Amino acid sequence: MAKTDSKPSEELILNAAVKVFTRKGYSGARMEEIAKEAGINRALLHYYFRDKETMFNIIFETKFKEFFTGIFGAFQSDVPFLEKIKSIVDHEITVLTKHPGLARFVIMEIAQQPDRLIQFGQKLGLNPRTMLKHFQKEVQQNVQQGEIRPIDGRQLLMNIISICIYPFVAKPIIKTMMQMDENTFMDLMEKRKNDAYEFIINAIRP
């Protein structure tokens, strides 16, 4: 928690808000709780941010960009298809290792308002639907060339995303069941980059 004997930065307040929004979601978060997390009073919080919605939109856009820009870049790259999959896996796990609560935060809020995925994507110049169509086309080309076995591009994309993201969404369950501390979990996720890639590639090879 921040000290109150110095003027807080907007970044400090936003970091505190991320923690609260991740725990409670937008609807459950309260300005009083965000102020407490940041170590300031509510009046000072309102000095920086007019209301919860303003703060949330800033955070969500930032986190959305962080979460999706890299994966969109990987999808749009000109590298061979299997290398592209490796890049996607590496990006997802790297970002989520740095920000373990990010997946839960973004997924939870998009689940509440699915149109946010399109709205924020378009705002950043990213179109998820166009990306999916391009990916499906690339999958079909690789199937026809005999590089991978016949598979629905949608299924493959869901498999890739699920394999990368699920451990972070279910981290409390995994840590409890496998008796891991935080460092052990993070070490396992670092090793998972290669393991996940190999698992996916072995599943789609002819």
N, C-alpha and C. Protein backbone atom coordinates (compact mmCIF):
# COMPACT_ATOMS: atom_id res chain seq x y z
N MET A 1 0.84 -1.19 0.00
CA MET A 1 0.00 0.00 0.00
C MET A 1 0.87 1.25 0.00
N ALA A 2 0.44 2.27 -0.71
CA ALA A 2 1.27 3.47 -0.85
C ALA A 2 1.29 4.29 0.42
N LYS A 3 2.35 5.07 0.60
CA LYS A 3 2.44 5.97 1.73
C LYS A 3 1.63 7.22 1.44
N THR A 4 1.09 7.84 2.46
CA THR A 4 0.26 9.02 2.27
C THR A 4 1.01 10.31 2.51
N ASP A 5 2.32 10.24 2.83
CA ASP A 5 3.05 11.46 3.14
C ASP A 5 3.67 12.09 1.90
N SER A 6 3.40 11.55 0.72
CA SER A 6 3.86 12.14 -0.52
C SER A 6 2.75 12.06 -1.55
N LYS A 7 2.81 12.95 -2.52
CA LYS A 7 1.77 12.99 -3.53
C LYS A 7 1.85 11.75 -4.42
N PRO A 8 0.77 11.01 -4.55
CA PRO A 8 0.82 9.79 -5.35
C PRO A 8 0.86 10.12 -6.85
N SER A 9 1.35 9.20 -7.62
CA SER A 9 1.33 9.35 -9.07
C SER A 9 0.08 8.69 -9.62
N GLU A 10 -0.31 9.09 -10.82
CA GLU A 10 -1.45 8.45 -11.47
C GLU A 10 -1.17 6.96 -11.68
N GLU A 11 0.08 6.65 -11.99
CA GLU A 11 0.45 5.25 -12.21
C GLU A 11 0.23 4.43 -10.95
N LEU A 12 0.62 4.97 -9.81
CA LEU A 12 0.42 4.26 -8.54
C LEU A 12 -1.07 4.00 -8.30
N ILE A 13 -1.89 5.00 -8.56
CA ILE A 13 -3.33 4.85 -8.35
C ILE A 13 -3.91 3.83 -9.32
N LEU A 14 -3.48 3.90 -10.57
CA LEU A 14 -3.99 2.95 -11.57
C LEU A 14 -3.56 1.52 -11.24
N ASN A 15 -2.35 1.36 -10.73
CA ASN A 15 -1.89 0.02 -10.34
C ASN A 15 -2.75 -0.52 -9.20
N ALA A 16 -3.10 0.37 -8.27
CA ALA A 16 -3.98 -0.04 -7.18
C ALA A 16 -5.36 -0.41 -7.71
N ALA A 17 -5.84 0.37 -8.67
CA ALA A 17 -7.16 0.11 -9.26
C ALA A 17 -7.17 -1.22 -10.00
N VAL A 18 -6.08 -1.54 -10.69
CA VAL A 18 -5.99 -2.82 -11.39
C VAL A 18 -6.17 -3.97 -10.41
N LYS A 19 -5.54 -3.88 -9.25
CA LYS A 19 -5.65 -4.94 -8.25
C LYS A 19 -7.10 -5.11 -7.79
N VAL A 20 -7.76 -3.98 -7.58
CA VAL A 20 -9.15 -4.05 -7.12
C VAL A 20 -10.07 -4.55 -8.22
N PHE A 21 -9.90 -4.04 -9.44
CA PHE A 21 -10.73 -4.49 -10.55
C PHE A 21 -10.51 -5.97 -10.84
N THR A 22 -9.28 -6.44 -10.69
CA THR A 22 -8.99 -7.85 -10.92
C THR A 22 -9.67 -8.73 -9.89
N ARG A 23 -9.68 -8.25 -8.65
CA ARG A 23 -10.33 -9.02 -7.57
C ARG A 23 -11.85 -8.97 -7.67
N LYS A 24 -12.40 -7.79 -7.96
CA LYS A 24 -13.84 -7.58 -7.84
C LYS A 24 -14.57 -7.41 -9.16
N GLY A 25 -13.82 -7.15 -10.26
CA GLY A 25 -14.49 -6.81 -11.51
C GLY A 25 -14.99 -5.38 -11.46
N TYR A 26 -15.42 -4.88 -12.59
CA TYR A 26 -15.86 -3.48 -12.64
C TYR A 26 -17.06 -3.23 -11.72
N SER A 27 -18.07 -4.11 -11.81
CA SER A 27 -19.29 -3.88 -11.05
C SER A 27 -19.07 -3.98 -9.55
N GLY A 28 -18.13 -4.82 -9.12
CA GLY A 28 -17.92 -5.01 -7.69
C GLY A 28 -16.93 -4.06 -7.06
N ALA A 29 -16.14 -3.38 -7.89
CA ALA A 29 -15.11 -2.47 -7.36
C ALA A 29 -15.75 -1.18 -6.83
N ARG A 30 -15.18 -0.64 -5.76
CA ARG A 30 -15.66 0.61 -5.17
C ARG A 30 -14.50 1.60 -5.07
N MET A 31 -14.84 2.87 -5.25
CA MET A 31 -13.81 3.91 -5.20
C MET A 31 -13.11 3.92 -3.84
N GLU A 32 -13.86 3.66 -2.77
CA GLU A 32 -13.27 3.63 -1.44
C GLU A 32 -12.19 2.55 -1.33
N GLU A 33 -12.46 1.40 -1.93
CA GLU A 33 -11.50 0.30 -1.87
C GLU A 33 -10.25 0.62 -2.70
N ILE A 34 -10.45 1.28 -3.84
CA ILE A 34 -9.30 1.67 -4.68
C ILE A 34 -8.45 2.68 -3.93
N ALA A 35 -9.09 3.65 -3.29
CA ALA A 35 -8.35 4.65 -2.51
C ALA A 35 -7.56 3.99 -1.39
N LYS A 36 -8.18 3.04 -0.72
CA LYS A 36 -7.50 2.33 0.37
C LYS A 36 -6.31 1.54 -0.16
N GLU A 37 -6.48 0.88 -1.29
CA GLU A 37 -5.40 0.10 -1.90
C GLU A 37 -4.23 1.00 -2.28
N ALA A 38 -4.54 2.23 -2.71
CA ALA A 38 -3.50 3.18 -3.11
C ALA A 38 -2.92 3.94 -1.92
N GLY A 39 -3.55 3.81 -0.75
CA GLY A 39 -3.06 4.50 0.44
C GLY A 39 -3.39 5.98 0.46
N ILE A 40 -4.51 6.35 -0.16
CA ILE A 40 -4.92 7.76 -0.19
C ILE A 40 -6.39 7.85 0.23
N ASN A 41 -6.86 9.08 0.42
CA ASN A 41 -8.28 9.23 0.73
C ASN A 41 -9.09 9.39 -0.55
N ARG A 42 -10.40 9.27 -0.41
CA ARG A 42 -11.25 9.28 -1.60
C ARG A 42 -11.24 10.63 -2.30
N ALA A 43 -11.12 11.70 -1.56
CA ALA A 43 -11.11 13.03 -2.16
C ALA A 43 -9.91 13.18 -3.10
N LEU A 44 -8.76 12.68 -2.67
CA LEU A 44 -7.57 12.76 -3.51
C LEU A 44 -7.72 11.87 -4.74
N LEU A 45 -8.37 10.74 -4.56
CA LEU A 45 -8.62 9.85 -5.69
C LEU A 45 -9.47 10.56 -6.74
N HIS A 46 -10.49 11.26 -6.29
CA HIS A 46 -11.36 11.99 -7.22
C HIS A 46 -10.64 13.19 -7.85
N TYR A 47 -9.62 13.67 -7.21
CA TYR A 47 -8.82 14.75 -7.78
C TYR A 47 -8.13 14.26 -9.06
N TYR A 48 -7.70 13.02 -9.03
CA TYR A 48 -7.02 12.45 -10.19
C TYR A 48 -8.00 11.88 -11.22
N PHE A 49 -9.04 11.23 -10.72
CA PHE A 49 -9.99 10.56 -11.61
C PHE A 49 -11.41 10.89 -11.19
N ARG A 50 -12.17 11.35 -12.16
CA ARG A 50 -13.52 11.85 -11.87
C ARG A 50 -14.44 10.76 -11.31
N ASP A 51 -14.36 9.57 -11.91
CA ASP A 51 -15.23 8.49 -11.48
C ASP A 51 -14.62 7.13 -11.82
N LYS A 52 -15.28 6.11 -11.40
CA LYS A 52 -14.77 4.75 -11.59
C LYS A 52 -14.71 4.38 -13.06
N GLU A 53 -15.69 4.81 -13.83
CA GLU A 53 -15.73 4.46 -15.25
C GLU A 53 -14.54 5.04 -16.01
N THR A 54 -14.19 6.30 -15.71
CA THR A 54 -13.03 6.93 -16.36
C THR A 54 -11.77 6.13 -16.07
N MET A 55 -11.59 5.78 -14.81
CA MET A 55 -10.41 5.02 -14.40
C MET A 55 -10.39 3.65 -15.06
N PHE A 56 -11.54 3.00 -15.08
CA PHE A 56 -11.61 1.67 -15.65
C PHE A 56 -11.29 1.68 -17.14
N ASN A 57 -11.83 2.66 -17.87
CA ASN A 57 -11.60 2.71 -19.31
C ASN A 57 -10.12 2.91 -19.64
N ILE A 58 -9.45 3.73 -18.84
CA ILE A 58 -8.00 3.94 -19.05
C ILE A 58 -7.26 2.63 -18.83
N ILE A 59 -7.60 1.96 -17.74
CA ILE A 59 -6.93 0.70 -17.40
C ILE A 59 -7.23 -0.38 -18.44
N PHE A 60 -8.51 -0.51 -18.78
CA PHE A 60 -8.89 -1.59 -19.69
C PHE A 60 -8.25 -1.41 -21.06
N GLU A 61 -8.23 -0.17 -21.55
CA GLU A 61 -7.61 0.07 -22.85
C GLU A 61 -6.12 -0.26 -22.81
N THR A 62 -5.46 0.13 -21.71
CA THR A 62 -4.03 -0.15 -21.56
C THR A 62 -3.77 -1.66 -21.51
N LYS A 63 -4.54 -2.36 -20.68
CA LYS A 63 -4.35 -3.79 -20.52
C LYS A 63 -4.77 -4.56 -21.77
N PHE A 64 -5.82 -4.10 -22.40
CA PHE A 64 -6.27 -4.73 -23.65
C PHE A 64 -5.16 -4.64 -24.69
N LYS A 65 -4.58 -3.44 -24.80
CA LYS A 65 -3.50 -3.23 -25.77
C LYS A 65 -2.32 -4.13 -25.46
N GLU A 66 -1.97 -4.21 -24.18
CA GLU A 66 -0.84 -5.05 -23.77
C GLU A 66 -1.11 -6.52 -24.06
N PHE A 67 -2.33 -6.93 -23.83
CA PHE A 67 -2.70 -8.33 -23.95
C PHE A 67 -2.82 -8.76 -25.42
N PHE A 68 -3.38 -7.88 -26.26
CA PHE A 68 -3.72 -8.28 -27.62
C PHE A 68 -2.77 -7.79 -28.71
N THR A 69 -2.11 -6.66 -28.50
CA THR A 69 -1.28 -6.12 -29.58
C THR A 69 -0.20 -7.10 -30.02
N GLY A 70 0.47 -7.71 -29.04
CA GLY A 70 1.53 -8.66 -29.39
C GLY A 70 1.01 -9.86 -30.14
N ILE A 71 -0.13 -10.38 -29.73
CA ILE A 71 -0.67 -11.56 -30.41
C ILE A 71 -1.16 -11.20 -31.80
N PHE A 72 -1.73 -10.00 -31.95
CA PHE A 72 -2.15 -9.56 -33.28
C PHE A 72 -0.93 -9.42 -34.19
N GLY A 73 0.16 -8.88 -33.63
CA GLY A 73 1.39 -8.74 -34.40
C GLY A 73 1.92 -10.08 -34.85
N ALA A 74 1.83 -11.07 -33.96
CA ALA A 74 2.29 -12.42 -34.31
C ALA A 74 1.44 -13.01 -35.42
N PHE A 75 0.14 -12.83 -35.34
CA PHE A 75 -0.76 -13.35 -36.36
C PHE A 75 -0.48 -12.71 -37.73
N GLN A 76 -0.13 -11.45 -37.71
CA GLN A 76 0.05 -10.71 -38.96
C GLN A 76 1.47 -10.79 -39.51
N SER A 77 2.36 -11.46 -38.83
CA SER A 77 3.75 -11.55 -39.29
C SER A 77 3.85 -12.46 -40.51
N ASP A 78 4.97 -12.36 -41.22
CA ASP A 78 5.18 -13.13 -42.44
C ASP A 78 6.00 -14.39 -42.22
N VAL A 79 6.24 -14.76 -40.98
CA VAL A 79 7.06 -15.95 -40.70
C VAL A 79 6.27 -17.21 -41.06
N PRO A 80 6.95 -18.35 -41.27
CA PRO A 80 6.24 -19.61 -41.53
C PRO A 80 5.23 -19.93 -40.44
N PHE A 81 4.20 -20.69 -40.81
CA PHE A 81 3.06 -20.91 -39.93
C PHE A 81 3.44 -21.51 -38.58
N LEU A 82 4.29 -22.51 -38.57
CA LEU A 82 4.65 -23.14 -37.30
C LEU A 82 5.46 -22.19 -36.42
N GLU A 83 6.28 -21.35 -37.04
CA GLU A 83 7.01 -20.34 -36.27
C GLU A 83 6.05 -19.30 -35.71
N LYS A 84 5.00 -19.04 -36.45
CA LYS A 84 3.99 -18.09 -35.99
C LYS A 84 3.32 -18.62 -34.72
N ILE A 85 3.02 -19.91 -34.71
CA ILE A 85 2.41 -20.50 -33.52
C ILE A 85 3.36 -20.38 -32.33
N LYS A 86 4.63 -20.64 -32.57
CA LYS A 86 5.63 -20.53 -31.50
C LYS A 86 5.68 -19.10 -30.96
N SER A 87 5.62 -18.13 -31.85
CA SER A 87 5.64 -16.71 -31.45
C SER A 87 4.42 -16.36 -30.62
N ILE A 88 3.26 -16.87 -31.01
CA ILE A 88 2.02 -16.61 -30.27
C ILE A 88 2.11 -17.19 -28.86
N VAL A 89 2.55 -18.45 -28.77
CA VAL A 89 2.67 -19.10 -27.46
C VAL A 89 3.66 -18.35 -26.58
N ASP A 90 4.79 -18.01 -27.13
CA ASP A 90 5.82 -17.31 -26.36
C ASP A 90 5.30 -15.96 -25.86
N HIS A 91 4.63 -15.23 -26.74
CA HIS A 91 4.11 -13.91 -26.35
C HIS A 91 3.09 -14.03 -25.22
N GLU A 92 2.12 -14.92 -25.38
CA GLU A 92 1.05 -15.04 -24.39
C GLU A 92 1.61 -15.39 -23.02
N ILE A 93 2.46 -16.39 -22.96
CA ILE A 93 2.97 -16.84 -21.67
C ILE A 93 3.92 -15.81 -21.07
N THR A 94 4.72 -15.14 -21.91
CA THR A 94 5.63 -14.10 -21.41
C THR A 94 4.85 -12.95 -20.78
N VAL A 95 3.84 -12.46 -21.47
CA VAL A 95 3.04 -11.34 -20.95
C VAL A 95 2.33 -11.73 -19.67
N LEU A 96 1.76 -12.93 -19.65
CA LEU A 96 0.99 -13.35 -18.48
C LEU A 96 1.89 -13.70 -17.30
N THR A 97 3.13 -14.08 -17.57
CA THR A 97 4.07 -14.31 -16.48
C THR A 97 4.41 -12.98 -15.79
N LYS A 98 4.54 -11.93 -16.60
CA LYS A 98 4.82 -10.61 -16.05
C LYS A 98 3.61 -10.03 -15.32
N HIS A 99 2.43 -10.34 -15.83
CA HIS A 99 1.19 -9.80 -15.25
C HIS A 99 0.18 -10.94 -15.06
N PRO A 100 0.36 -11.76 -14.02
CA PRO A 100 -0.46 -12.97 -13.86
C PRO A 100 -1.96 -12.71 -13.76
N GLY A 101 -2.37 -11.55 -13.24
CA GLY A 101 -3.79 -11.26 -13.11
C GLY A 101 -4.42 -10.69 -14.36
N LEU A 102 -3.61 -10.45 -15.39
CA LEU A 102 -4.09 -9.78 -16.59
C LEU A 102 -5.14 -10.59 -17.33
N ALA A 103 -4.91 -11.89 -17.48
CA ALA A 103 -5.86 -12.73 -18.21
C ALA A 103 -7.22 -12.73 -17.55
N ARG A 104 -7.23 -12.91 -16.23
CA ARG A 104 -8.49 -12.95 -15.49
C ARG A 104 -9.23 -11.62 -15.61
N PHE A 105 -8.47 -10.53 -15.53
CA PHE A 105 -9.06 -9.19 -15.61
C PHE A 105 -9.70 -8.95 -16.98
N VAL A 106 -8.95 -9.20 -18.05
CA VAL A 106 -9.46 -8.94 -19.40
C VAL A 106 -10.61 -9.88 -19.73
N ILE A 107 -10.45 -11.17 -19.44
CA ILE A 107 -11.48 -12.15 -19.78
C ILE A 107 -12.77 -11.87 -19.01
N MET A 108 -12.65 -11.55 -17.74
CA MET A 108 -13.82 -11.31 -16.91
C MET A 108 -14.63 -10.14 -17.44
N GLU A 109 -13.95 -9.07 -17.85
CA GLU A 109 -14.66 -7.89 -18.31
C GLU A 109 -15.22 -8.06 -19.72
N ILE A 110 -14.50 -8.77 -20.58
CA ILE A 110 -15.03 -9.03 -21.91
C ILE A 110 -16.23 -9.98 -21.82
N ALA A 111 -16.19 -10.91 -20.87
CA ALA A 111 -17.31 -11.81 -20.68
C ALA A 111 -18.57 -11.04 -20.28
N GLN A 112 -18.40 -9.97 -19.50
CA GLN A 112 -19.53 -9.15 -19.09
C GLN A 112 -20.07 -8.33 -20.26
N GLN A 113 -19.15 -7.82 -21.10
CA GLN A 113 -19.55 -7.01 -22.25
C GLN A 113 -18.71 -7.44 -23.46
N PRO A 114 -19.13 -8.50 -24.17
CA PRO A 114 -18.34 -9.04 -25.28
C PRO A 114 -18.02 -8.03 -26.38
N ASP A 115 -18.89 -7.05 -26.57
CA ASP A 115 -18.65 -6.05 -27.62
C ASP A 115 -17.39 -5.23 -27.37
N ARG A 116 -16.91 -5.23 -26.13
CA ARG A 116 -15.68 -4.50 -25.83
C ARG A 116 -14.51 -5.03 -26.66
N LEU A 117 -14.51 -6.34 -26.95
CA LEU A 117 -13.43 -6.93 -27.73
C LEU A 117 -13.33 -6.25 -29.09
N ILE A 118 -14.47 -6.03 -29.71
CA ILE A 118 -14.49 -5.39 -31.03
C ILE A 118 -14.22 -3.90 -30.90
N GLN A 119 -14.88 -3.26 -29.93
CA GLN A 119 -14.75 -1.80 -29.78
C GLN A 119 -13.32 -1.38 -29.50
N PHE A 120 -12.68 -2.02 -28.53
CA PHE A 120 -11.31 -1.65 -28.18
C PHE A 120 -10.33 -2.09 -29.26
N GLY A 121 -10.63 -3.22 -29.91
CA GLY A 121 -9.77 -3.67 -31.00
C GLY A 121 -9.76 -2.68 -32.14
N GLN A 122 -10.93 -2.22 -32.52
CA GLN A 122 -11.02 -1.24 -33.61
C GLN A 122 -10.38 0.08 -33.23
N LYS A 123 -10.51 0.46 -31.97
CA LYS A 123 -9.90 1.70 -31.50
C LYS A 123 -8.38 1.64 -31.63
N LEU A 124 -7.82 0.46 -31.48
CA LEU A 124 -6.37 0.26 -31.59
C LEU A 124 -5.95 -0.14 -33.00
N GLY A 125 -6.92 -0.15 -33.92
CA GLY A 125 -6.61 -0.54 -35.29
C GLY A 125 -6.48 -2.04 -35.46
N LEU A 126 -7.09 -2.79 -34.55
CA LEU A 126 -7.04 -4.25 -34.59
C LEU A 126 -8.45 -4.80 -34.73
N ASN A 127 -8.65 -5.69 -35.67
CA ASN A 127 -9.97 -6.26 -35.89
C ASN A 127 -9.93 -7.76 -35.63
N PRO A 128 -10.44 -8.22 -34.49
CA PRO A 128 -10.38 -9.65 -34.15
C PRO A 128 -11.01 -10.55 -35.19
N ARG A 129 -12.10 -10.10 -35.81
CA ARG A 129 -12.78 -10.94 -36.80
C ARG A 129 -11.94 -11.10 -38.07
N THR A 130 -11.29 -10.01 -38.48
CA THR A 130 -10.41 -10.09 -39.64
C THR A 130 -9.22 -11.01 -39.34
N MET A 131 -8.69 -10.89 -38.12
CA MET A 131 -7.58 -11.73 -37.71
C MET A 131 -7.96 -13.20 -37.77
N LEU A 132 -9.16 -13.54 -37.29
CA LEU A 132 -9.62 -14.93 -37.29
C LEU A 132 -9.76 -15.46 -38.72
N LYS A 133 -10.33 -14.64 -39.60
CA LYS A 133 -10.49 -15.07 -41.00
C LYS A 133 -9.14 -15.33 -41.65
N HIS A 134 -8.20 -14.45 -41.38
CA HIS A 134 -6.86 -14.62 -41.94
C HIS A 134 -6.21 -15.89 -41.39
N PHE A 135 -6.38 -16.14 -40.10
CA PHE A 135 -5.80 -17.33 -39.49
C PHE A 135 -6.41 -18.59 -40.08
N GLN A 136 -7.74 -18.60 -40.24
CA GLN A 136 -8.42 -19.77 -40.80
C GLN A 136 -7.93 -20.05 -42.23
N LYS A 137 -7.74 -18.99 -42.99
CA LYS A 137 -7.25 -19.13 -44.36
C LYS A 137 -5.84 -19.73 -44.36
N GLU A 138 -5.01 -19.26 -43.45
CA GLU A 138 -3.64 -19.75 -43.37
C GLU A 138 -3.62 -21.22 -42.94
N VAL A 139 -4.51 -21.59 -42.03
CA VAL A 139 -4.62 -22.99 -41.61
C VAL A 139 -4.97 -23.86 -42.80
N GLN A 140 -5.96 -23.44 -43.57
CA GLN A 140 -6.39 -24.23 -44.73
C GLN A 140 -5.28 -24.37 -45.76
N GLN A 141 -4.51 -23.32 -45.97
CA GLN A 141 -3.39 -23.38 -46.91
C GLN A 141 -2.36 -24.42 -46.46
N ASN A 142 -2.09 -24.44 -45.16
CA ASN A 142 -1.11 -25.39 -44.63
C ASN A 142 -1.64 -26.81 -44.65
N VAL A 143 -2.95 -26.96 -44.49
CA VAL A 143 -3.57 -28.29 -44.61
C VAL A 143 -3.41 -28.79 -46.05
N GLN A 144 -3.73 -27.93 -47.01
CA GLN A 144 -3.65 -28.30 -48.42
C GLN A 144 -2.23 -28.63 -48.85
N GLN A 145 -1.26 -27.96 -48.25
CA GLN A 145 0.15 -28.20 -48.57
C GLN A 145 0.72 -29.41 -47.83
N GLY A 146 -0.10 -30.02 -46.97
CA GLY A 146 0.33 -31.19 -46.23
C GLY A 146 1.24 -30.89 -45.05
N GLU A 147 1.31 -29.60 -44.65
CA GLU A 147 2.16 -29.21 -43.53
C GLU A 147 1.54 -29.60 -42.18
N ILE A 148 0.22 -29.56 -42.11
CA ILE A 148 -0.49 -29.93 -40.89
C ILE A 148 -1.69 -30.80 -41.27
N ARG A 149 -2.20 -31.55 -40.31
CA ARG A 149 -3.35 -32.41 -40.58
C ARG A 149 -4.61 -31.55 -40.70
N PRO A 150 -5.67 -32.06 -41.31
CA PRO A 150 -6.92 -31.29 -41.42
C PRO A 150 -7.45 -30.91 -40.05
N ILE A 151 -7.71 -29.63 -39.85
CA ILE A 151 -8.23 -29.14 -38.58
C ILE A 151 -8.95 -27.82 -38.82
N ASP A 152 -10.01 -27.60 -38.10
CA ASP A 152 -10.75 -26.34 -38.17
C ASP A 152 -9.88 -25.25 -37.53
N GLY A 153 -9.64 -24.16 -38.26
CA GLY A 153 -8.81 -23.08 -37.73
C GLY A 153 -9.33 -22.51 -36.43
N ARG A 154 -10.65 -22.52 -36.26
CA ARG A 154 -11.24 -22.02 -35.01
C ARG A 154 -10.87 -22.90 -33.83
N GLN A 155 -10.91 -24.23 -34.08
CA GLN A 155 -10.53 -25.16 -33.01
C GLN A 155 -9.06 -24.99 -32.64
N LEU A 156 -8.23 -24.85 -33.66
CA LEU A 156 -6.79 -24.69 -33.39
C LEU A 156 -6.51 -23.43 -32.60
N LEU A 157 -7.15 -22.33 -32.99
CA LEU A 157 -6.93 -21.07 -32.27
C LEU A 157 -7.41 -21.17 -30.82
N MET A 158 -8.57 -21.80 -30.61
CA MET A 158 -9.06 -21.97 -29.24
C MET A 158 -8.11 -22.84 -28.43
N ASN A 159 -7.55 -23.87 -29.07
CA ASN A 159 -6.61 -24.74 -28.37
C ASN A 159 -5.36 -23.97 -27.95
N ILE A 160 -4.82 -23.17 -28.86
CA ILE A 160 -3.61 -22.40 -28.56
C ILE A 160 -3.86 -21.44 -27.40
N ILE A 161 -4.95 -20.69 -27.50
CA ILE A 161 -5.25 -19.69 -26.47
C ILE A 161 -5.52 -20.37 -25.13
N SER A 162 -6.28 -21.47 -25.15
CA SER A 162 -6.62 -22.17 -23.91
C SER A 162 -5.38 -22.72 -23.22
N ILE A 163 -4.49 -23.34 -24.00
CA ILE A 163 -3.28 -23.94 -23.44
C ILE A 163 -2.40 -22.87 -22.79
N CYS A 164 -2.36 -21.69 -23.40
CA CYS A 164 -1.52 -20.62 -22.86
C CYS A 164 -2.14 -19.92 -21.66
N ILE A 165 -3.43 -19.66 -21.73
CA ILE A 165 -4.07 -18.79 -20.75
C ILE A 165 -4.59 -19.52 -19.52
N TYR A 166 -5.09 -20.75 -19.70
CA TYR A 166 -5.76 -21.44 -18.59
C TYR A 166 -4.94 -21.49 -17.30
N PRO A 167 -3.65 -21.83 -17.33
CA PRO A 167 -2.90 -21.92 -16.07
C PRO A 167 -2.92 -20.62 -15.26
N PHE A 168 -2.98 -19.48 -15.94
CA PHE A 168 -2.98 -18.21 -15.24
C PHE A 168 -4.36 -17.88 -14.68
N VAL A 169 -5.40 -18.25 -15.42
CA VAL A 169 -6.77 -18.04 -14.92
C VAL A 169 -7.02 -18.94 -13.71
N ALA A 170 -6.49 -20.16 -13.77
CA ALA A 170 -6.72 -21.14 -12.70
C ALA A 170 -5.55 -21.23 -11.73
N LYS A 171 -4.72 -20.20 -11.69
CA LYS A 171 -3.50 -20.27 -10.87
C LYS A 171 -3.75 -20.65 -9.41
N PRO A 172 -4.73 -20.07 -8.73
CA PRO A 172 -4.95 -20.46 -7.33
C PRO A 172 -5.24 -21.95 -7.17
N ILE A 173 -6.01 -22.50 -8.11
CA ILE A 173 -6.36 -23.92 -8.05
C ILE A 173 -5.11 -24.77 -8.30
N ILE A 174 -4.35 -24.42 -9.33
CA ILE A 174 -3.15 -25.18 -9.69
C ILE A 174 -2.13 -25.15 -8.56
N LYS A 175 -1.90 -23.97 -7.99
CA LYS A 175 -0.92 -23.86 -6.91
C LYS A 175 -1.33 -24.70 -5.71
N THR A 176 -2.62 -24.72 -5.41
CA THR A 176 -3.10 -25.49 -4.26
C THR A 176 -2.99 -26.99 -4.52
N MET A 177 -3.47 -27.42 -5.70
CA MET A 177 -3.47 -28.85 -6.00
C MET A 177 -2.05 -29.41 -6.11
N MET A 178 -1.16 -28.61 -6.71
CA MET A 178 0.21 -29.09 -6.96
C MET A 178 1.19 -28.64 -5.88
N GLN A 179 0.67 -28.00 -4.85
CA GLN A 179 1.48 -27.56 -3.71
C GLN A 179 2.69 -26.73 -4.16
N MET A 180 2.40 -25.69 -4.93
CA MET A 180 3.44 -24.81 -5.46
C MET A 180 3.42 -23.46 -4.75
N ASP A 181 4.59 -22.87 -4.59
CA ASP A 181 4.62 -21.47 -4.20
C ASP A 181 4.70 -20.64 -5.48
N GLU A 182 4.71 -19.32 -5.35
CA GLU A 182 4.68 -18.45 -6.51
C GLU A 182 5.90 -18.64 -7.42
N ASN A 183 7.07 -18.75 -6.84
CA ASN A 183 8.29 -18.91 -7.65
C ASN A 183 8.29 -20.21 -8.44
N THR A 184 7.80 -21.27 -7.80
CA THR A 184 7.74 -22.56 -8.49
C THR A 184 6.76 -22.50 -9.65
N PHE A 185 5.63 -21.84 -9.42
CA PHE A 185 4.63 -21.69 -10.49
C PHE A 185 5.21 -20.93 -11.67
N MET A 186 5.91 -19.82 -11.39
CA MET A 186 6.47 -19.01 -12.46
C MET A 186 7.57 -19.75 -13.22
N ASP A 187 8.37 -20.54 -12.51
CA ASP A 187 9.39 -21.36 -13.18
C ASP A 187 8.72 -22.37 -14.12
N LEU A 188 7.62 -22.94 -13.66
CA LEU A 188 6.90 -23.91 -14.49
C LEU A 188 6.33 -23.24 -15.73
N MET A 189 5.84 -22.01 -15.58
CA MET A 189 5.29 -21.29 -16.74
C MET A 189 6.38 -20.94 -17.75
N GLU A 190 7.57 -20.64 -17.27
CA GLU A 190 8.67 -20.35 -18.19
C GLU A 190 9.00 -21.59 -19.02
N LYS A 191 9.02 -22.75 -18.38
CA LYS A 191 9.27 -24.00 -19.08
C LYS A 191 8.10 -24.37 -20.00
N ARG A 192 6.94 -23.88 -19.65
CA ARG A 192 5.73 -24.21 -20.41
C ARG A 192 5.77 -23.66 -21.84
N LYS A 193 6.53 -22.59 -22.07
CA LYS A 193 6.59 -22.01 -23.42
C LYS A 193 6.95 -23.07 -24.44
N ASN A 194 8.00 -23.81 -24.16
CA ASN A 194 8.43 -24.85 -25.09
C ASN A 194 7.51 -26.07 -25.04
N ASP A 195 7.10 -26.45 -23.83
CA ASP A 195 6.24 -27.63 -23.69
C ASP A 195 4.91 -27.43 -24.41
N ALA A 196 4.33 -26.24 -24.25
CA ALA A 196 3.04 -25.95 -24.88
C ALA A 196 3.17 -25.95 -26.40
N TYR A 197 4.24 -25.34 -26.88
CA TYR A 197 4.47 -25.30 -28.33
C TYR A 197 4.62 -26.72 -28.89
N GLU A 198 5.43 -27.54 -28.24
CA GLU A 198 5.64 -28.91 -28.71
C GLU A 198 4.34 -29.70 -28.68
N PHE A 199 3.53 -29.48 -27.66
CA PHE A 199 2.25 -30.19 -27.54
C PHE A 199 1.34 -29.83 -28.71
N ILE A 200 1.27 -28.55 -29.02
CA ILE A 200 0.40 -28.08 -30.12
C ILE A 200 0.90 -28.61 -31.46
N ILE A 201 2.19 -28.49 -31.70
CA ILE A 201 2.76 -28.91 -32.98
C ILE A 201 2.59 -30.42 -33.17
N ASN A 202 2.85 -31.20 -32.14
CA ASN A 202 2.69 -32.65 -32.24
C ASN A 202 1.23 -33.03 -32.52
N ALA A 203 0.30 -32.21 -32.05
CA ALA A 203 -1.12 -32.49 -32.24
C ALA A 203 -1.59 -32.21 -33.67
N ILE A 204 -0.89 -31.33 -34.38
CA ILE A 204 -1.36 -30.95 -35.73
C ILE A 204 -0.47 -31.46 -36.85
N ARG A 205 0.65 -32.10 -36.50
CA ARG A 205 1.48 -32.67 -37.55
C ARG A 205 0.74 -33.81 -38.25
N PRO A 206 0.97 -33.95 -39.55
CA PRO A 206 0.27 -35.03 -40.31
C PRO A 206 0.63 -36.41 -39.76
